[in-house]
Amino acid sequence: MILDVFIIALLLSLLLKRRIFYFDKLKLKLLYLFPIPFILQILPWFDQRLLMIISYSILFLIFIVNRSIKGFKYIAIGSLMNAFVITLNQGKMPVYEPLARWLELRPSFRHTFFPEFNVKLVLGDWIPVILPWGRKFLISPGDILIYIGTFVFFLTVLDD
């Protein structure tokens, strides 16, 4: 779903002539590291939890060093929430199984299904989202903060 959020925020930014036109003025630090966490998350390695810890550590570092940029604090907090719950669940995001089945979502190697709602699911994927174009997701409270931060980032007007 982050791709959907990114595209919507980018399109709104273009339509409203917001931040996208000011990328040359941004002082983003460590941006070259940004693809690495996503590559690590898709590697089929024997210790998925270790890969997720390294992945989220790199992401969190990027967000912290860029915390002065509007939206990055929300993204950092949301990422930290997701990293915490994933670390507690052997490197997998907990998913509420009844809602996943209702939305006809299949498990992936990065998720683990829980048949009953419990404390391990509070920060996991249990919030249903159905987009107007038919894509369905379960998202976490951390994801919501990440998406808010993404919109704040793209729709903020820079002060000259």
Protein backbone atom coordinates (compact mmCIF):
# COMPACT_ATOMS: atom_id res chain seq x y z
CA MET A 1 0.00 0.00 0.00
CA ILE A 2 2.92 2.37 0.51
CA LEU A 3 3.25 2.51 -3.28
CA ASP A 4 -0.38 3.65 -3.57
CA VAL A 5 0.15 6.29 -0.87
CA PHE A 6 3.38 7.46 -2.50
CA ILE A 7 1.73 7.82 -5.93
CA ILE A 8 -1.33 9.63 -4.53
CA ALA A 9 0.84 12.00 -2.49
CA LEU A 10 3.11 12.62 -5.49
CA LEU A 11 0.14 13.34 -7.79
CA LEU A 12 -1.41 15.70 -5.24
CA SER A 13 1.94 17.38 -4.83
CA LEU A 14 2.16 17.93 -8.59
CA LEU A 15 -1.43 19.15 -8.86
CA LEU A 16 -1.03 21.54 -5.94
CA LYS A 17 2.51 22.55 -6.99
CA ARG A 18 3.95 21.54 -3.66
CA ARG A 19 7.24 20.04 -2.54
CA ILE A 20 8.05 18.05 -5.69
CA PHE A 21 9.05 21.31 -7.34
CA TYR A 22 11.49 22.07 -4.51
CA PHE A 23 13.53 18.87 -4.36
CA ASP A 24 16.63 20.82 -5.34
CA LYS A 25 16.30 22.85 -2.10
CA LEU A 26 15.92 19.83 0.18
CA LYS A 27 18.93 18.75 2.12
CA LEU A 28 18.13 15.03 2.34
CA LYS A 29 20.92 13.12 4.04
CA LEU A 30 21.86 9.47 3.44
CA LEU A 31 19.33 9.20 0.60
CA TYR A 32 21.64 6.77 -1.22
CA LEU A 33 20.96 4.23 1.57
CA PHE A 34 17.19 4.30 1.04
CA PRO A 35 16.91 1.30 -1.38
CA ILE A 36 19.01 -1.02 0.82
CA PRO A 37 16.36 -1.76 3.50
CA PHE A 38 13.79 -2.72 0.86
CA ILE A 39 16.26 -5.03 -0.87
CA LEU A 40 17.10 -6.64 2.49
CA GLN A 41 13.40 -7.22 3.22
CA ILE A 42 12.89 -9.34 0.12
CA LEU A 43 16.00 -11.50 0.48
CA PRO A 44 15.12 -15.13 1.31
CA TRP A 45 17.75 -15.50 4.02
CA PHE A 46 17.60 -18.01 6.88
CA ASP A 47 17.40 -15.36 9.64
CA GLN A 48 14.58 -13.08 8.52
CA ARG A 49 14.45 -11.36 11.91
CA LEU A 50 18.07 -10.23 11.60
CA LEU A 51 17.42 -8.87 8.10
CA MET A 52 14.39 -6.96 9.35
CA ILE A 53 16.34 -5.50 12.27
CA ILE A 54 19.12 -4.34 9.94
CA SER A 55 16.57 -3.04 7.43
CA TYR A 56 14.60 -1.03 9.97
CA SER A 57 17.80 0.24 11.61
CA ILE A 58 18.93 1.72 8.30
CA LEU A 59 15.49 3.24 7.67
CA PHE A 60 15.32 4.67 11.16
CA LEU A 61 18.80 6.19 10.76
CA ILE A 62 17.72 7.87 7.52
CA PHE A 63 14.56 9.24 9.13
CA ILE A 64 16.35 10.47 12.25
CA VAL A 65 19.10 12.33 10.39
CA ASN A 66 16.38 13.95 8.27
CA ARG A 67 14.00 14.63 11.17
CA SER A 68 13.99 18.38 10.47
CA ILE A 69 12.20 17.70 7.18
CA LYS A 70 8.45 17.90 7.65
CA GLY A 71 6.80 14.48 7.78
CA PHE A 72 9.93 12.50 8.65
CA LYS A 73 9.16 12.41 12.39
CA TYR A 74 5.84 10.67 11.67
CA ILE A 75 7.58 8.26 9.32
CA ALA A 76 10.29 7.54 11.92
CA ILE A 77 7.77 6.85 14.70
CA GLY A 78 5.64 4.64 12.44
CA SER A 79 8.72 2.72 11.30
CA LEU A 80 9.84 2.26 14.89
CA MET A 81 6.40 0.88 15.82
CA ASN A 82 6.52 -1.57 12.90
CA ALA A 83 10.09 -2.60 13.67
CA PHE A 84 9.18 -3.25 17.30
CA VAL A 85 6.26 -5.57 16.54
CA ILE A 86 8.19 -7.34 13.76
CA THR A 87 11.15 -7.94 16.08
CA LEU A 88 8.81 -9.42 18.71
CA ASN A 89 7.45 -11.85 16.10
CA GLN A 90 10.66 -13.42 14.75
CA GLY A 91 11.00 -10.93 11.88
CA LYS A 92 7.41 -11.16 10.66
CA MET A 93 4.53 -8.70 10.83
CA PRO A 94 1.57 -10.18 12.73
CA VAL A 95 -1.67 -10.16 10.74
CA TYR A 96 -5.21 -10.67 12.03
CA GLU A 97 -6.25 -13.79 10.13
CA PRO A 98 -10.07 -13.39 10.11
CA LEU A 99 -9.80 -9.98 8.44
CA ALA A 100 -7.11 -11.22 6.05
CA ARG A 101 -9.41 -14.06 4.96
CA TRP A 102 -12.36 -11.65 4.65
CA LEU A 103 -10.25 -9.44 2.33
CA GLU A 104 -8.96 -12.58 0.53
CA LEU A 105 -5.35 -11.73 1.37
CA ARG A 106 -2.72 -14.45 1.27
CA PRO A 107 0.14 -14.73 3.73
CA SER A 108 3.65 -13.88 2.56
CA PHE A 109 7.02 -14.84 4.01
CA ARG A 110 7.08 -11.45 5.79
CA HIS A 111 3.81 -12.03 7.65
CA THR A 112 2.46 -14.38 10.28
CA PHE A 113 -1.26 -14.95 10.80
CA PHE A 114 -2.92 -14.82 14.21
CA PRO A 115 -6.38 -16.46 14.38
CA GLU A 116 -7.38 -14.46 17.47
CA PHE A 117 -6.80 -10.83 18.33
CA ASN A 118 -4.26 -10.54 21.14
CA VAL A 119 -1.62 -8.16 22.50
CA LYS A 120 0.88 -9.13 19.76
CA LEU A 121 -1.56 -7.78 17.17
CA VAL A 122 -2.07 -4.30 18.66
CA LEU A 123 0.78 -2.89 16.55
CA GLY A 124 0.32 -5.45 13.75
CA ASP A 125 -1.76 -5.44 10.57
CA TRP A 126 -5.41 -5.45 11.58
CA ILE A 127 -6.87 -2.23 10.09
CA PRO A 128 -8.71 -3.01 6.83
CA VAL A 129 -8.31 -0.66 3.86
CA ILE A 130 -10.08 -1.05 0.53
CA LEU A 131 -9.00 1.48 -2.07
CA PRO A 132 -11.47 2.80 -4.68
CA TRP A 133 -9.61 0.93 -7.44
CA GLY A 134 -10.13 -2.40 -5.65
CA ARG A 135 -6.80 -3.00 -3.92
CA LYS A 136 -7.23 -4.41 -0.41
CA PHE A 137 -4.86 -4.29 2.55
CA LEU A 138 -4.55 -4.76 6.26
CA ILE A 139 -2.36 -2.05 7.74
CA SER A 140 -0.87 -1.34 11.14
CA PRO A 141 -1.03 1.75 13.36
CA GLY A 142 2.63 2.30 12.41
CA ASP A 143 1.69 2.24 8.72
CA ILE A 144 -0.86 5.00 9.35
CA LEU A 145 1.85 7.24 10.80
CA ILE A 146 4.14 6.43 7.87
CA TYR A 147 1.38 7.36 5.41
CA ILE A 148 0.59 10.59 7.28
CA GLY A 149 4.28 11.48 7.20
CA THR A 150 4.44 10.75 3.48
CA PHE A 151 1.53 13.10 2.80
CA VAL A 152 2.98 15.80 5.07
CA PHE A 153 6.32 15.50 3.26
CA PHE A 154 4.87 15.76 -0.24
CA LEU A 155 2.25 18.41 0.49
CA THR A 156 4.33 20.82 2.57
CA VAL A 157 5.30 24.11 0.99
CA LEU A 158 8.91 25.02 1.64
CA ASP A 159 9.71 28.37 3.20
CA ASP A 160 12.02 30.42 1.02
